[in-house]
Amino acid sequence: MPNKIDLSGQRFGRLVAMHAMPPKKKGGSTRWLCRCDCGNESTPGTAQLRRGRAKSCGCFQAEAARSANATHGQIKSSEYRAWCAMRSRCNTKSNISFKNYGGRGISVCKRWGDFLCFLSDMGPRPKGTTIDRIDNNGNYEPSNCRWATKEEQDSNKRTTVLVTFNGKTMTYSQWGRELNTDPGTLRQRWIKFGTLNRIQRTKESYRAIKNRTS
């Protein structure tokens, strides 16, 4: 069957489509033998070319990586990986986490479009930490971000329950370490009695349970 779309001779970034090739598998899309400006050849599919997903044989990405590394020498650093992941979550719809970031309006500030500005503002990443937004509904920007441990980030989640007791506010897990008690036990005490202290089983305590659950 003849091709419905003829891309022969058309340019797509650094690629020029030369002629059609059979699909890799039955029912697959037509591939195109393309010559890249660097002299190499590649065989992207019709959709890849028309949607702008294939613009070179791969040399462009390699050059961009070398350029980034030559500019700041940080391409293999944990800070650079965190910067890339942050931008992907907010800007790339195909990212699995996009719905929780860019999908709900979370963005990266203009200044942090430059990795060196991000590194200057955030500083080196301490071991055991990742980037965290202080205001979970705020954007990625200098005033709202920090390097934080998993525990600190868990305490900052939208779904985290905080308990204020004796003038201190912490999660059940933090209270568990503070009082050397299982967090589940503390949760039950708080829900039933409104306290994290151990309850002596008396008639008064049972009446308290009945009053709180009735």
N, C-alpha and C. Protein backbone atom coordinates (compact mmCIF):
# COMPACT_ATOMS: atom_id res chain seq x y z
N MET A 1 0.86 -1.20 0.00
CA MET A 1 0.00 0.00 0.00
C MET A 1 0.89 1.24 0.00
N PRO A 2 0.67 2.20 -0.89
CA PRO A 2 1.51 3.39 -0.94
C PRO A 2 1.34 4.22 0.32
N ASN A 3 2.39 4.98 0.64
CA ASN A 3 2.34 5.84 1.82
C ASN A 3 1.37 6.98 1.61
N LYS A 4 0.53 7.25 2.58
CA LYS A 4 -0.39 8.38 2.50
C LYS A 4 0.35 9.69 2.74
N ILE A 5 1.41 9.64 3.50
CA ILE A 5 2.18 10.84 3.80
C ILE A 5 3.59 10.66 3.25
N ASP A 6 4.00 11.54 2.38
CA ASP A 6 5.33 11.46 1.78
C ASP A 6 6.20 12.57 2.37
N LEU A 7 7.20 12.16 3.15
CA LEU A 7 8.09 13.13 3.80
C LEU A 7 9.41 13.26 3.06
N SER A 8 9.55 12.60 1.94
CA SER A 8 10.81 12.63 1.20
C SER A 8 11.27 14.05 0.92
N GLY A 9 12.54 14.32 1.25
CA GLY A 9 13.12 15.63 0.97
C GLY A 9 12.81 16.68 2.00
N GLN A 10 11.92 16.39 2.96
CA GLN A 10 11.57 17.39 3.97
C GLN A 10 12.60 17.40 5.10
N ARG A 11 12.80 18.58 5.68
CA ARG A 11 13.77 18.74 6.77
C ARG A 11 13.04 18.80 8.10
N PHE A 12 13.61 18.12 9.09
CA PHE A 12 13.08 18.13 10.46
C PHE A 12 14.26 18.36 11.39
N GLY A 13 14.48 19.63 11.75
CA GLY A 13 15.64 19.97 12.56
C GLY A 13 16.92 19.71 11.77
N ARG A 14 17.73 18.80 12.26
CA ARG A 14 18.97 18.46 11.58
C ARG A 14 18.79 17.30 10.60
N LEU A 15 17.59 16.74 10.56
CA LEU A 15 17.35 15.56 9.73
C LEU A 15 16.67 15.91 8.40
N VAL A 16 17.06 15.23 7.36
CA VAL A 16 16.39 15.33 6.07
C VAL A 16 15.91 13.93 5.70
N ALA A 17 14.59 13.78 5.50
CA ALA A 17 14.02 12.47 5.15
C ALA A 17 14.39 12.11 3.72
N MET A 18 14.94 10.92 3.54
CA MET A 18 15.38 10.48 2.21
C MET A 18 14.34 9.59 1.54
N HIS A 19 13.97 8.49 2.20
CA HIS A 19 12.92 7.64 1.63
C HIS A 19 12.31 6.77 2.74
N ALA A 20 11.12 6.24 2.46
CA ALA A 20 10.39 5.43 3.44
C ALA A 20 11.03 4.06 3.58
N MET A 21 10.83 3.49 4.78
CA MET A 21 11.33 2.14 5.07
C MET A 21 10.20 1.35 5.72
N PRO A 22 10.22 0.03 5.63
CA PRO A 22 9.15 -0.79 6.22
C PRO A 22 9.12 -0.63 7.75
N PRO A 23 7.95 -0.81 8.35
CA PRO A 23 7.84 -0.76 9.82
C PRO A 23 8.69 -1.85 10.45
N LYS A 24 9.08 -1.65 11.70
CA LYS A 24 9.87 -2.65 12.41
C LYS A 24 9.05 -3.91 12.70
N LYS A 25 7.74 -3.73 12.85
CA LYS A 25 6.87 -4.88 13.11
C LYS A 25 5.55 -4.69 12.37
N LYS A 26 4.85 -5.77 12.18
CA LYS A 26 3.59 -5.74 11.45
C LYS A 26 2.60 -4.80 12.13
N GLY A 27 2.04 -3.91 11.34
CA GLY A 27 1.08 -2.96 11.88
C GLY A 27 1.73 -1.71 12.44
N GLY A 28 3.06 -1.66 12.46
CA GLY A 28 3.76 -0.50 13.00
C GLY A 28 3.76 0.66 12.01
N SER A 29 4.28 1.80 12.45
CA SER A 29 4.29 2.99 11.60
C SER A 29 5.47 2.95 10.64
N THR A 30 5.32 3.67 9.56
CA THR A 30 6.38 3.76 8.56
C THR A 30 7.59 4.48 9.13
N ARG A 31 8.76 3.97 8.83
CA ARG A 31 10.00 4.63 9.24
C ARG A 31 10.59 5.34 8.03
N TRP A 32 11.47 6.31 8.33
CA TRP A 32 12.10 7.08 7.26
C TRP A 32 13.61 7.07 7.45
N LEU A 33 14.29 6.73 6.38
CA LEU A 33 15.74 6.82 6.41
C LEU A 33 16.09 8.30 6.30
N CYS A 34 16.72 8.82 7.35
CA CYS A 34 17.05 10.25 7.39
C CYS A 34 18.56 10.44 7.50
N ARG A 35 19.03 11.47 6.81
CA ARG A 35 20.44 11.83 6.94
C ARG A 35 20.54 13.07 7.81
N CYS A 36 21.40 12.97 8.82
CA CYS A 36 21.59 14.08 9.76
C CYS A 36 22.68 15.02 9.23
N ASP A 37 22.63 16.27 9.64
CA ASP A 37 23.63 17.25 9.21
C ASP A 37 25.04 16.84 9.62
N CYS A 38 25.14 15.99 10.67
CA CYS A 38 26.47 15.56 11.12
C CYS A 38 27.02 14.44 10.25
N GLY A 39 26.17 13.90 9.32
CA GLY A 39 26.62 12.84 8.42
C GLY A 39 26.09 11.46 8.77
N ASN A 40 25.55 11.28 9.97
CA ASN A 40 25.00 9.99 10.38
C ASN A 40 23.58 9.81 9.83
N GLU A 41 23.11 8.58 9.88
CA GLU A 41 21.76 8.27 9.45
C GLU A 41 20.95 7.70 10.60
N SER A 42 19.64 7.88 10.54
CA SER A 42 18.74 7.32 11.55
C SER A 42 17.42 6.99 10.88
N THR A 43 16.57 6.22 11.59
CA THR A 43 15.31 5.79 10.99
C THR A 43 14.12 6.05 11.92
N PRO A 44 13.79 7.28 12.19
CA PRO A 44 12.63 7.59 13.05
C PRO A 44 11.33 7.33 12.31
N GLY A 45 10.24 7.22 13.07
CA GLY A 45 8.93 7.00 12.49
C GLY A 45 8.29 8.29 12.02
N THR A 46 7.23 8.16 11.25
CA THR A 46 6.52 9.34 10.72
C THR A 46 6.07 10.26 11.84
N ALA A 47 5.44 9.69 12.87
CA ALA A 47 4.92 10.51 13.98
C ALA A 47 6.05 11.23 14.71
N GLN A 48 7.16 10.56 14.91
CA GLN A 48 8.30 11.19 15.59
C GLN A 48 8.77 12.42 14.86
N LEU A 49 8.82 12.34 13.55
CA LEU A 49 9.28 13.48 12.75
C LEU A 49 8.25 14.60 12.74
N ARG A 50 7.01 14.28 12.50
CA ARG A 50 5.96 15.30 12.36
C ARG A 50 5.66 15.99 13.68
N ARG A 51 5.85 15.28 14.79
CA ARG A 51 5.56 15.88 16.10
C ARG A 51 6.79 16.52 16.73
N GLY A 52 7.90 16.53 16.03
CA GLY A 52 9.10 17.19 16.52
C GLY A 52 9.88 16.42 17.55
N ARG A 53 9.60 15.12 17.67
CA ARG A 53 10.29 14.32 18.67
C ARG A 53 11.65 13.84 18.17
N ALA A 54 11.83 13.85 16.86
CA ALA A 54 13.11 13.45 16.28
C ALA A 54 13.63 14.64 15.47
N LYS A 55 14.72 15.23 15.92
CA LYS A 55 15.29 16.39 15.24
C LYS A 55 16.75 16.19 14.87
N SER A 56 17.32 15.08 15.33
CA SER A 56 18.70 14.75 14.99
C SER A 56 18.90 13.25 15.18
N CYS A 57 20.06 12.76 14.82
CA CYS A 57 20.35 11.34 15.00
C CYS A 57 20.67 11.01 16.44
N GLY A 58 20.69 12.04 17.27
CA GLY A 58 21.10 11.90 18.67
C GLY A 58 22.28 12.78 18.98
N CYS A 59 22.86 13.36 17.95
CA CYS A 59 24.05 14.21 18.15
C CYS A 59 23.71 15.50 18.90
N PHE A 60 22.47 16.01 18.70
CA PHE A 60 22.10 17.25 19.37
C PHE A 60 22.09 17.08 20.88
N GLN A 61 21.48 15.98 21.37
CA GLN A 61 21.43 15.72 22.80
C GLN A 61 22.83 15.54 23.37
N ALA A 62 23.68 14.85 22.61
CA ALA A 62 25.05 14.63 23.07
C ALA A 62 25.81 15.94 23.16
N GLU A 63 25.61 16.83 22.19
CA GLU A 63 26.28 18.13 22.20
C GLU A 63 25.78 18.98 23.35
N ALA A 64 24.46 18.92 23.61
CA ALA A 64 23.89 19.70 24.71
C ALA A 64 24.46 19.24 26.04
N ALA A 65 24.62 17.93 26.20
CA ALA A 65 25.18 17.40 27.44
C ALA A 65 26.63 17.82 27.61
N ARG A 66 27.41 17.74 26.52
CA ARG A 66 28.81 18.16 26.60
C ARG A 66 28.92 19.64 26.91
N SER A 67 28.01 20.43 26.31
CA SER A 67 28.02 21.87 26.54
C SER A 67 27.71 22.20 27.99
N ALA A 68 26.70 21.51 28.53
CA ALA A 68 26.32 21.76 29.93
C ALA A 68 27.46 21.39 30.87
N ASN A 69 28.12 20.27 30.58
CA ASN A 69 29.21 19.83 31.43
C ASN A 69 30.40 20.78 31.34
N ALA A 70 30.64 21.28 30.12
CA ALA A 70 31.75 22.21 29.94
C ALA A 70 31.46 23.54 30.63
N THR A 71 30.17 23.90 30.70
CA THR A 71 29.81 25.19 31.30
C THR A 71 29.95 25.19 32.81
N HIS A 72 29.42 24.14 33.47
CA HIS A 72 29.45 24.15 34.93
C HIS A 72 30.06 22.90 35.55
N GLY A 73 30.37 21.89 34.73
CA GLY A 73 31.02 20.69 35.26
C GLY A 73 30.20 19.92 36.27
N GLN A 74 28.87 20.10 36.25
CA GLN A 74 28.01 19.51 37.28
C GLN A 74 27.02 18.51 36.72
N ILE A 75 27.18 18.13 35.46
CA ILE A 75 26.14 17.32 34.83
C ILE A 75 25.92 15.99 35.52
N LYS A 76 26.91 15.46 36.22
CA LYS A 76 26.76 14.19 36.93
C LYS A 76 26.48 14.38 38.42
N SER A 77 26.32 15.62 38.84
CA SER A 77 26.12 15.89 40.27
C SER A 77 24.67 15.64 40.68
N SER A 78 24.46 15.40 41.97
CA SER A 78 23.10 15.19 42.48
C SER A 78 22.28 16.47 42.39
N GLU A 79 22.93 17.62 42.48
CA GLU A 79 22.22 18.90 42.36
C GLU A 79 21.66 19.07 40.95
N TYR A 80 22.46 18.69 39.95
CA TYR A 80 22.01 18.81 38.56
C TYR A 80 20.85 17.85 38.28
N ARG A 81 20.95 16.63 38.82
CA ARG A 81 19.86 15.67 38.63
C ARG A 81 18.58 16.17 39.29
N ALA A 82 18.72 16.79 40.48
CA ALA A 82 17.54 17.33 41.17
C ALA A 82 16.92 18.46 40.37
N TRP A 83 17.77 19.29 39.76
CA TRP A 83 17.28 20.41 38.94
C TRP A 83 16.52 19.90 37.72
N CYS A 84 17.07 18.90 37.06
CA CYS A 84 16.41 18.33 35.88
C CYS A 84 15.07 17.69 36.26
N ALA A 85 15.05 16.93 37.35
CA ALA A 85 13.83 16.26 37.79
C ALA A 85 12.76 17.27 38.18
N MET A 86 13.16 18.34 38.85
CA MET A 86 12.24 19.39 39.26
C MET A 86 11.55 20.01 38.05
N ARG A 87 12.32 20.36 37.05
CA ARG A 87 11.77 20.99 35.85
C ARG A 87 10.89 20.02 35.07
N SER A 88 11.27 18.75 35.04
CA SER A 88 10.47 17.75 34.33
C SER A 88 9.11 17.58 34.99
N ARG A 89 9.08 17.52 36.33
CA ARG A 89 7.80 17.36 37.05
C ARG A 89 6.84 18.50 36.74
N CYS A 90 7.38 19.67 36.51
CA CYS A 90 6.53 20.85 36.31
C CYS A 90 6.22 21.13 34.85
N ASN A 91 7.08 20.69 33.94
CA ASN A 91 6.95 21.10 32.55
C ASN A 91 6.64 19.99 31.56
N THR A 92 6.87 18.72 31.95
CA THR A 92 6.71 17.63 31.01
C THR A 92 5.46 16.82 31.32
N LYS A 93 4.46 16.91 30.46
CA LYS A 93 3.18 16.26 30.72
C LYS A 93 3.29 14.75 30.77
N SER A 94 4.29 14.19 30.09
CA SER A 94 4.44 12.73 30.10
C SER A 94 5.12 12.22 31.37
N ASN A 95 5.63 13.14 32.20
CA ASN A 95 6.25 12.74 33.47
C ASN A 95 5.17 12.17 34.38
N ILE A 96 5.46 11.02 35.01
CA ILE A 96 4.46 10.35 35.84
C ILE A 96 4.00 11.21 37.01
N SER A 97 4.82 12.18 37.43
CA SER A 97 4.47 13.02 38.57
C SER A 97 3.88 14.37 38.16
N PHE A 98 3.71 14.60 36.86
CA PHE A 98 3.24 15.91 36.38
C PHE A 98 1.91 16.32 37.01
N LYS A 99 0.99 15.36 37.17
CA LYS A 99 -0.33 15.69 37.70
C LYS A 99 -0.27 16.30 39.09
N ASN A 100 0.76 15.96 39.87
CA ASN A 100 0.89 16.49 41.22
C ASN A 100 1.73 17.77 41.29
N TYR A 101 2.26 18.18 40.15
CA TYR A 101 3.11 19.38 40.13
C TYR A 101 2.61 20.34 39.05
N GLY A 102 3.13 20.23 37.85
CA GLY A 102 2.68 21.12 36.78
C GLY A 102 1.19 21.03 36.55
N GLY A 103 0.62 19.84 36.72
CA GLY A 103 -0.80 19.62 36.51
C GLY A 103 -1.68 20.36 37.49
N ARG A 104 -1.15 20.73 38.63
CA ARG A 104 -1.95 21.52 39.59
C ARG A 104 -1.38 22.93 39.79
N GLY A 105 -0.60 23.36 38.78
CA GLY A 105 -0.17 24.77 38.75
C GLY A 105 1.17 25.07 39.37
N ILE A 106 1.90 24.04 39.81
CA ILE A 106 3.22 24.28 40.40
C ILE A 106 4.22 24.54 39.28
N SER A 107 4.99 25.62 39.38
CA SER A 107 5.94 25.97 38.33
C SER A 107 7.32 26.25 38.92
N VAL A 108 8.31 26.34 38.04
CA VAL A 108 9.67 26.68 38.43
C VAL A 108 9.90 28.14 38.07
N CYS A 109 10.43 28.92 38.99
CA CYS A 109 10.62 30.35 38.74
C CYS A 109 11.57 30.56 37.56
N LYS A 110 11.45 31.72 36.92
CA LYS A 110 12.24 32.03 35.73
C LYS A 110 13.73 31.98 36.01
N ARG A 111 14.14 32.45 37.18
CA ARG A 111 15.56 32.48 37.52
C ARG A 111 16.16 31.08 37.51
N TRP A 112 15.38 30.11 37.94
CA TRP A 112 15.89 28.74 38.02
C TRP A 112 15.83 28.00 36.69
N GLY A 113 15.57 28.70 35.62
CA GLY A 113 15.73 28.13 34.30
C GLY A 113 17.21 27.93 34.00
N ASP A 114 18.05 28.62 34.77
CA ASP A 114 19.51 28.51 34.66
C ASP A 114 20.01 27.67 35.84
N PHE A 115 20.66 26.56 35.54
CA PHE A 115 21.13 25.67 36.60
C PHE A 115 22.08 26.37 37.56
N LEU A 116 22.96 27.21 37.06
CA LEU A 116 23.93 27.87 37.93
C LEU A 116 23.25 28.78 38.95
N CYS A 117 22.14 29.41 38.55
CA CYS A 117 21.38 30.24 39.50
C CYS A 117 20.74 29.35 40.57
N PHE A 118 20.22 28.21 40.13
CA PHE A 118 19.63 27.25 41.07
C PHE A 118 20.68 26.79 42.09
N LEU A 119 21.87 26.44 41.61
CA LEU A 119 22.93 25.95 42.48
C LEU A 119 23.39 27.05 43.43
N SER A 120 23.46 28.28 42.94
CA SER A 120 23.88 29.40 43.78
C SER A 120 22.88 29.64 44.91
N ASP A 121 21.58 29.52 44.61
CA ASP A 121 20.54 29.77 45.62
C ASP A 121 20.41 28.62 46.61
N MET A 122 20.47 27.39 46.12
CA MET A 122 20.25 26.22 46.97
C MET A 122 21.51 25.74 47.67
N GLY A 123 22.68 25.94 47.05
CA GLY A 123 23.91 25.44 47.62
C GLY A 123 24.04 23.94 47.42
N PRO A 124 25.15 23.36 47.85
CA PRO A 124 25.36 21.91 47.71
C PRO A 124 24.27 21.11 48.44
N ARG A 125 23.90 19.97 47.89
CA ARG A 125 22.86 19.14 48.51
C ARG A 125 23.47 18.29 49.61
N PRO A 126 23.04 18.47 50.85
CA PRO A 126 23.54 17.61 51.95
C PRO A 126 23.12 16.16 51.72
N LYS A 127 23.94 15.24 52.13
CA LYS A 127 23.66 13.82 51.96
C LYS A 127 22.35 13.45 52.66
N GLY A 128 21.53 12.66 51.97
CA GLY A 128 20.27 12.21 52.55
C GLY A 128 19.12 13.17 52.39
N THR A 129 19.30 14.21 51.57
CA THR A 129 18.23 15.19 51.38
C THR A 129 17.83 15.28 49.91
N THR A 130 16.64 15.82 49.68
CA THR A 130 16.17 16.15 48.34
C THR A 130 15.50 17.51 48.42
N ILE A 131 15.17 18.08 47.26
CA ILE A 131 14.58 19.41 47.26
C ILE A 131 13.13 19.34 47.76
N ASP A 132 12.76 20.31 48.58
CA ASP A 132 11.44 20.32 49.21
C ASP A 132 10.88 21.73 49.17
N ARG A 133 9.57 21.84 48.87
CA ARG A 133 8.90 23.14 48.93
C ARG A 133 8.31 23.36 50.32
N ILE A 134 8.65 24.43 50.97
CA ILE A 134 8.18 24.72 52.32
C ILE A 134 6.65 24.85 52.32
N ASP A 135 6.13 25.65 51.37
CA ASP A 135 4.69 25.73 51.16
C ASP A 135 4.36 24.74 50.07
N ASN A 136 3.64 23.66 50.42
CA ASN A 136 3.36 22.59 49.47
C ASN A 136 2.55 23.04 48.28
N ASN A 137 1.89 24.17 48.39
CA ASN A 137 1.10 24.69 47.28
C ASN A 137 1.84 25.78 46.52
N GLY A 138 3.06 26.10 46.97
CA GLY A 138 3.84 27.15 46.33
C GLY A 138 4.72 26.61 45.21
N ASN A 139 5.38 27.52 44.52
CA ASN A 139 6.22 27.16 43.38
C ASN A 139 7.65 26.85 43.81
N TYR A 140 8.41 26.37 42.87
CA TYR A 140 9.84 26.17 43.09
C TYR A 140 10.54 27.50 42.89
N GLU A 141 10.98 28.10 43.97
CA GLU A 141 11.67 29.38 43.93
C GLU A 141 12.51 29.52 45.20
N PRO A 142 13.52 30.40 45.20
CA PRO A 142 14.46 30.46 46.33
C PRO A 142 13.82 30.59 47.70
N SER A 143 12.78 31.41 47.81
CA SER A 143 12.17 31.65 49.12
C SER A 143 11.30 30.50 49.60
N ASN A 144 11.02 29.53 48.74
CA ASN A 144 10.09 28.45 49.13
C ASN A 144 10.73 27.07 49.07
N CYS A 145 12.05 26.99 48.90
CA CYS A 145 12.67 25.68 48.74
C CYS A 145 13.85 25.47 49.69
N ARG A 146 14.11 24.25 50.01
CA ARG A 146 15.20 23.86 50.91
C ARG A 146 15.61 22.44 50.56
N TRP A 147 16.79 22.04 51.00
CA TRP A 147 17.19 20.64 50.97
C TRP A 147 16.66 20.03 52.27
N ALA A 148 15.87 18.97 52.17
CA ALA A 148 15.24 18.41 53.37
C ALA A 148 15.34 16.89 53.37
N THR A 149 15.36 16.32 54.57
CA THR A 149 15.38 14.86 54.71
C THR A 149 13.98 14.32 54.41
N LYS A 150 13.87 13.00 54.24
CA LYS A 150 12.57 12.38 53.98
C LYS A 150 11.62 12.64 55.13
N GLU A 151 12.12 12.59 56.35
CA GLU A 151 11.26 12.84 57.52
C GLU A 151 10.70 14.25 57.48
N GLU A 152 11.55 15.21 57.16
CA GLU A 152 11.09 16.60 57.08
C GLU A 152 10.06 16.77 55.98
N GLN A 153 10.28 16.09 54.86
CA GLN A 153 9.32 16.19 53.76
C GLN A 153 8.02 15.50 54.10
N ASP A 154 8.09 14.34 54.78
CA ASP A 154 6.86 13.65 55.18
C ASP A 154 6.03 14.53 56.11
N SER A 155 6.70 15.30 56.94
CA SER A 155 5.99 16.18 57.88
C SER A 155 5.33 17.33 57.15
N ASN A 156 5.78 17.57 55.91
CA ASN A 156 5.29 18.72 55.16
C ASN A 156 4.27 18.34 54.09
N LYS A 157 3.86 17.06 54.04
CA LYS A 157 2.89 16.63 53.04
C LYS A 157 1.51 17.19 53.34
N ARG A 158 0.72 17.35 52.28
CA ARG A 158 -0.64 17.88 52.46
C ARG A 158 -1.50 16.95 53.31
N THR A 159 -1.18 15.64 53.31
CA THR A 159 -2.01 14.67 54.01
C THR A 159 -1.49 14.35 55.42
N THR A 160 -0.38 14.97 55.82
CA THR A 160 0.22 14.66 57.11
C THR A 160 -0.63 15.20 58.26
N VAL A 161 -0.84 14.37 59.29
CA VAL A 161 -1.59 14.79 60.48
C VAL A 161 -0.60 15.26 61.54
N LEU A 162 -0.79 16.48 62.03
CA LEU A 162 0.07 17.04 63.07
C LEU A 162 -0.71 17.10 64.37
N VAL A 163 -0.04 16.78 65.46
CA VAL A 163 -0.68 16.76 66.78
C VAL A 163 0.05 17.73 67.70
N THR A 164 -0.69 18.64 68.30
CA THR A 164 -0.12 19.59 69.25
C THR A 164 -0.40 19.09 70.66
N PHE A 165 0.68 18.87 71.43
CA PHE A 165 0.55 18.32 72.77
C PHE A 165 1.65 18.92 73.65
N ASN A 166 1.27 19.42 74.79
CA ASN A 166 2.23 20.05 75.71
C ASN A 166 3.05 21.14 75.03
N GLY A 167 2.39 21.89 74.15
CA GLY A 167 3.05 23.02 73.52
C GLY A 167 3.93 22.70 72.32
N LYS A 168 3.97 21.41 71.92
CA LYS A 168 4.78 21.02 70.77
C LYS A 168 3.90 20.41 69.70
N THR A 169 4.22 20.67 68.43
CA THR A 169 3.46 20.13 67.32
C THR A 169 4.35 19.23 66.47
N MET A 170 3.95 17.95 66.38
CA MET A 170 4.73 16.98 65.60
C MET A 170 3.82 15.94 65.00
N THR A 171 4.36 15.12 64.12
CA THR A 171 3.61 14.00 63.55
C THR A 171 3.57 12.85 64.56
N TYR A 172 2.72 11.86 64.30
CA TYR A 172 2.68 10.70 65.19
C TYR A 172 4.02 9.97 65.22
N SER A 173 4.68 9.91 64.08
CA SER A 173 5.99 9.24 64.03
C SER A 173 7.01 9.97 64.90
N GLN A 174 7.00 11.29 64.83
CA GLN A 174 7.93 12.07 65.65
C GLN A 174 7.60 11.95 67.13
N TRP A 175 6.30 11.96 67.44
CA TRP A 175 5.90 11.77 68.84
C TRP A 175 6.30 10.37 69.32
N GLY A 176 6.24 9.39 68.43
CA GLY A 176 6.63 8.03 68.80
C GLY A 176 8.07 7.97 69.25
N ARG A 177 8.96 8.67 68.54
CA ARG A 177 10.37 8.71 68.94
C ARG A 177 10.56 9.52 70.22
N GLU A 178 9.77 10.57 70.33
CA GLU A 178 9.87 11.44 71.52
C GLU A 178 9.46 10.68 72.78
N LEU A 179 8.39 9.90 72.68
CA LEU A 179 7.83 9.22 73.86
C LEU A 179 8.19 7.73 73.92
N ASN A 180 8.99 7.29 72.93
CA ASN A 180 9.40 5.88 72.87
C ASN A 180 8.18 4.95 72.89
N THR A 181 7.19 5.30 72.05
CA THR A 181 5.93 4.56 71.99
C THR A 181 5.52 4.38 70.54
N ASP A 182 4.88 3.26 70.25
CA ASP A 182 4.43 3.00 68.89
C ASP A 182 3.48 4.11 68.42
N PRO A 183 3.72 4.68 67.22
CA PRO A 183 2.87 5.76 66.72
C PRO A 183 1.39 5.38 66.64
N GLY A 184 1.10 4.11 66.30
CA GLY A 184 -0.28 3.66 66.22
C GLY A 184 -0.98 3.74 67.57
N THR A 185 -0.24 3.39 68.63
CA THR A 185 -0.79 3.47 69.98
C THR A 185 -1.07 4.91 70.36
N LEU A 186 -0.15 5.80 69.99
CA LEU A 186 -0.34 7.22 70.29
C LEU A 186 -1.55 7.78 69.55
N ARG A 187 -1.73 7.34 68.32
CA ARG A 187 -2.87 7.81 67.54
C ARG A 187 -4.18 7.40 68.21
N GLN A 188 -4.25 6.16 68.68
CA GLN A 188 -5.45 5.69 69.35
C GLN A 188 -5.71 6.48 70.63
N ARG A 189 -4.64 6.73 71.40
CA ARG A 189 -4.81 7.52 72.63
C ARG A 189 -5.35 8.90 72.32
N TRP A 190 -4.79 9.51 71.25
CA TRP A 190 -5.19 10.88 70.94
C TRP A 190 -6.64 10.94 70.49
N ILE A 191 -7.04 9.98 69.65
CA ILE A 191 -8.41 9.97 69.15
C ILE A 191 -9.41 9.68 70.27
N LYS A 192 -9.07 8.73 71.17
CA LYS A 192 -10.00 8.33 72.22
C LYS A 192 -10.00 9.27 73.42
N PHE A 193 -8.80 9.72 73.81
CA PHE A 193 -8.70 10.47 75.07
C PHE A 193 -8.24 11.91 74.91
N GLY A 194 -7.71 12.28 73.73
CA GLY A 194 -7.21 13.64 73.56
C GLY A 194 -5.88 13.85 74.25
N THR A 195 -5.14 12.78 74.51
CA THR A 195 -3.83 12.88 75.15
C THR A 195 -2.91 11.82 74.56
N LEU A 196 -1.60 12.05 74.68
CA LEU A 196 -0.62 11.06 74.23
C LEU A 196 -0.03 10.29 75.40
N ASN A 197 -0.39 10.71 76.61
CA ASN A 197 0.11 10.02 77.79
C ASN A 197 -0.60 8.68 77.97
N ARG A 198 0.06 7.78 78.65
CA ARG A 198 -0.54 6.48 78.92
C ARG A 198 -1.75 6.65 79.82
N ILE A 199 -2.84 5.96 79.51
CA ILE A 199 -4.09 6.09 80.25
C ILE A 199 -4.26 4.92 81.20
N GLN A 200 -4.52 5.26 82.48
CA GLN A 200 -4.80 4.20 83.45
C GLN A 200 -6.25 3.75 83.29
N ARG A 201 -6.46 2.47 83.15
CA ARG A 201 -7.80 1.95 82.90
C ARG A 201 -8.65 2.02 84.17
N THR A 202 -9.42 3.06 84.27
CA THR A 202 -10.32 3.26 85.41
C THR A 202 -11.73 3.44 84.87
N LYS A 203 -12.70 3.49 85.80
CA LYS A 203 -14.07 3.74 85.38
C LYS A 203 -14.16 5.09 84.68
N GLU A 204 -13.36 6.07 85.17
CA GLU A 204 -13.39 7.39 84.56
C GLU A 204 -12.89 7.35 83.12
N SER A 205 -11.84 6.54 82.86
CA SER A 205 -11.30 6.48 81.50
C SER A 205 -12.28 5.83 80.55
N TYR A 206 -13.00 4.79 81.03
CA TYR A 206 -13.98 4.15 80.16
C TYR A 206 -15.15 5.08 79.88
N ARG A 207 -15.51 5.90 80.88
CA ARG A 207 -16.57 6.87 80.64
C ARG A 207 -16.10 7.90 79.62
N ALA A 208 -14.82 8.25 79.68
CA ALA A 208 -14.27 9.21 78.71
C ALA A 208 -14.34 8.65 77.30
N ILE A 209 -14.04 7.34 77.16
CA ILE A 209 -14.11 6.71 75.83
C ILE A 209 -15.54 6.75 75.32
N LYS A 210 -16.48 6.41 76.22
CA LYS A 210 -17.89 6.37 75.81
C LYS A 210 -18.35 7.76 75.40
N ASN A 211 -17.94 8.79 76.12
CA ASN A 211 -18.37 10.16 75.81
C ASN A 211 -17.81 10.64 74.46
N ARG A 212 -16.55 10.21 74.16
CA ARG A 212 -15.90 10.67 72.93
C ARG A 212 -16.40 9.92 71.71
N THR A 213 -16.94 8.71 71.90
CA THR A 213 -17.40 7.92 70.76
C THR A 213 -18.89 7.91 70.58
N SER A 214 -19.62 8.45 71.54
CA SER A 214 -21.09 8.43 71.45
C SER A 214 -21.58 9.60 70.59
